[in-house]
Amino acid sequence: VEGVQYKWANYLPGWQPLWFVLNNGTLSYYDSQDDVCKGSRGRIKMAVCEIKQVHSIQEHPS
């Protein structure tokens, strides 16, 4: 599963479009689809994630 999602960025405040890929239980994100070959900006192993707090919905681009 892959596609564009918006991620909140503190260093450039606001919602930033990133390319996300969910593969074998790992969620990785990239600057764009073209940057997948360069390596991810970050990864999250979904099996070890625990959601402790859900934040209220904030405005973001559709």
Foldseek 3Di string as FASTA:
>chain_A
DKDWDWDADPVPGATQIWIWDQDPQKIFIHNYPVCVVVPGPDIDRNVPDDDDDDDDDDDHDD
